[in-house]
Amino acid sequence: MKEEIEINEEIKKLVIARIEARMPLNIKISIGGIGAMSKDEMIEHVKKEDEQGKQIIKMHINFIKAITSGKLIKELNTV
């Protein structure tokens, strides 16, 4: 069973801050069936909390959880 992520304003602010800090302006990222999005488009989807925004939020939160739990490092060390 997948864990549901509660999305609130603090979570959205965290994800937006990560996008602003990590993503260059001249790059577009394709996320699954969502299609290619620019930095500004990703931020708008997160702010709207539409389906694309929810997917972006879940992706960032799952990445943060993998880092903090040590799971990411463990997986990288098996490669």
C-alpha atoms as a PDB file:
ATOM      1  CA  MET A   1       0.000   0.000   0.000  1.00  0.00           C
ATOM      2  CA  LYS A   2       1.374   3.419  -0.971  1.00  0.00           C
ATOM      3  CA  GLU A   3       1.708   6.036   1.743  1.00  0.00           C
ATOM      4  CA  GLU A   4      -0.345   9.144   1.008  1.00  0.00           C
ATOM      5  CA  ILE A   5       1.517  12.399   1.419  1.00  0.00           C
ATOM      6  CA  GLU A   6      -0.367  15.176   3.136  1.00  0.00           C
ATOM      7  CA  ILE A   7       0.152  18.282   1.047  1.00  0.00           C
ATOM      8  CA  ASN A   8       0.039  21.593   2.894  1.00  0.00           C
ATOM      9  CA  GLU A   9       1.488  25.057   2.350  1.00  0.00           C
ATOM     10  CA  GLU A  10       4.772  24.192   4.097  1.00  0.00           C
ATOM     11  CA  ILE A  11       5.307  21.170   1.859  1.00  0.00           C
ATOM     12  CA  LYS A  12       4.574  23.249  -1.235  1.00  0.00           C
ATOM     13  CA  LYS A  13       7.030  25.941  -0.062  1.00  0.00           C
ATOM     14  CA  LEU A  14       9.711  23.290   0.489  1.00  0.00           C
ATOM     15  CA  VAL A  15       9.227  21.787  -2.973  1.00  0.00           C
ATOM     16  CA  ILE A  16       9.203  25.212  -4.643  1.00  0.00           C
ATOM     17  CA  ALA A  17      12.410  26.150  -2.803  1.00  0.00           C
ATOM     18  CA  ARG A  18      14.069  22.914  -3.992  1.00  0.00           C
ATOM     19  CA  ILE A  19      12.998  23.556  -7.587  1.00  0.00           C
ATOM     20  CA  GLU A  20      14.222  27.164  -7.464  1.00  0.00           C
ATOM     21  CA  ALA A  21      17.555  26.160  -5.952  1.00  0.00           C
ATOM     22  CA  ARG A  22      18.296  23.070  -8.029  1.00  0.00           C
ATOM     23  CA  MET A  23      16.845  23.570 -11.497  1.00  0.00           C
ATOM     24  CA  PRO A  24      18.511  25.822 -14.083  1.00  0.00           C
ATOM     25  CA  LEU A  25      16.218  28.142 -16.056  1.00  0.00           C
ATOM     26  CA  ASN A  26      17.290  26.780 -19.441  1.00  0.00           C
ATOM     27  CA  ILE A  27      16.371  23.138 -18.766  1.00  0.00           C
ATOM     28  CA  LYS A  28      13.053  21.348 -19.162  1.00  0.00           C
ATOM     29  CA  ILE A  29      12.338  18.130 -17.313  1.00  0.00           C
ATOM     30  CA  SER A  30      10.022  15.378 -18.472  1.00  0.00           C
ATOM     31  CA  ILE A  31       8.145  13.564 -15.715  1.00  0.00           C
ATOM     32  CA  GLY A  32       6.469  10.365 -16.858  1.00  0.00           C
ATOM     33  CA  GLY A  33       3.381  11.042 -18.946  1.00  0.00           C
ATOM     34  CA  ILE A  34       3.215  14.662 -17.814  1.00  0.00           C
ATOM     35  CA  GLY A  35       5.545  15.909 -20.537  1.00  0.00           C
ATOM     36  CA  ALA A  36       8.405  18.406 -20.528  1.00  0.00           C
ATOM     37  CA  MET A  37       8.140  21.359 -18.148  1.00  0.00           C
ATOM     38  CA  SER A  38      10.272  24.383 -17.430  1.00  0.00           C
ATOM     39  CA  LYS A  39      11.199  25.504 -13.937  1.00  0.00           C
ATOM     40  CA  ASP A  40       8.423  28.113 -13.917  1.00  0.00           C
ATOM     41  CA  GLU A  41       5.842  25.620 -15.200  1.00  0.00           C
ATOM     42  CA  MET A  42       6.760  23.143 -12.460  1.00  0.00           C
ATOM     43  CA  ILE A  43       6.409  25.837  -9.802  1.00  0.00           C
ATOM     44  CA  GLU A  44       3.000  26.871 -11.175  1.00  0.00           C
ATOM     45  CA  HIS A  45       1.750  23.270 -11.073  1.00  0.00           C
ATOM     46  CA  VAL A  46       2.937  22.919  -7.467  1.00  0.00           C
ATOM     47  CA  LYS A  47       1.226  26.181  -6.483  1.00  0.00           C
ATOM     48  CA  LYS A  48      -2.036  25.079  -8.137  1.00  0.00           C
ATOM     49  CA  GLU A  49      -1.717  21.631  -6.551  1.00  0.00           C
ATOM     50  CA  ASP A  50      -3.175  20.099  -9.729  1.00  0.00           C
ATOM     51  CA  GLU A  51      -2.418  16.510 -10.756  1.00  0.00           C
ATOM     52  CA  GLN A  52       0.956  17.462 -12.235  1.00  0.00           C
ATOM     53  CA  GLY A  53       1.780  19.499  -9.130  1.00  0.00           C
ATOM     54  CA  LYS A  54       0.864  16.611  -6.837  1.00  0.00           C
ATOM     55  CA  GLN A  55       3.140  14.299  -8.833  1.00  0.00           C
ATOM     56  CA  ILE A  56       6.018  16.779  -8.581  1.00  0.00           C
ATOM     57  CA  ILE A  57       5.461  17.168  -4.825  1.00  0.00           C
ATOM     58  CA  LYS A  58       5.371  13.390  -4.283  1.00  0.00           C
ATOM     59  CA  MET A  59       8.572  12.981  -6.292  1.00  0.00           C
ATOM     60  CA  HIS A  60      10.437  15.563  -4.183  1.00  0.00           C
ATOM     61  CA  ILE A  61       9.102  14.262  -0.854  1.00  0.00           C
ATOM     62  CA  ASN A  62       9.997  10.662  -1.743  1.00  0.00           C
ATOM     63  CA  PHE A  63      13.517  11.778  -2.697  1.00  0.00           C
ATOM     64  CA  ILE A  64      13.927  13.650   0.606  1.00  0.00           C
ATOM     65  CA  LYS A  65      12.692  10.581   2.516  1.00  0.00           C
ATOM     66  CA  ALA A  66      15.161   8.349   0.650  1.00  0.00           C
ATOM     67  CA  ILE A  67      18.034  10.668   1.547  1.00  0.00           C
ATOM     68  CA  THR A  68      17.108  11.051   5.214  1.00  0.00           C
ATOM     69  CA  SER A  69      16.460   7.344   5.751  1.00  0.00           C
ATOM     70  CA  GLY A  70      19.784   6.348   4.187  1.00  0.00           C
ATOM     71  CA  LYS A  71      17.972   4.273   1.560  1.00  0.00           C
ATOM     72  CA  LEU A  72      19.400   6.300  -1.330  1.00  0.00           C
ATOM     73  CA  ILE A  73      23.013   5.846  -0.204  1.00  0.00           C
ATOM     74  CA  LYS A  74      22.430   2.150   0.421  1.00  0.00           C
ATOM     75  CA  GLU A  75      21.051   1.691  -3.097  1.00  0.00           C
ATOM     76  CA  LEU A  76      23.871   3.724  -4.655  1.00  0.00           C
ATOM     77  CA  ASN A  77      26.432   1.606  -2.854  1.00  0.00           C
ATOM     78  CA  THR A  78      25.040  -1.569  -4.445  1.00  0.00           C
ATOM     79  CA  VAL A  79      25.731  -0.316  -7.971  1.00  0.00           C
END
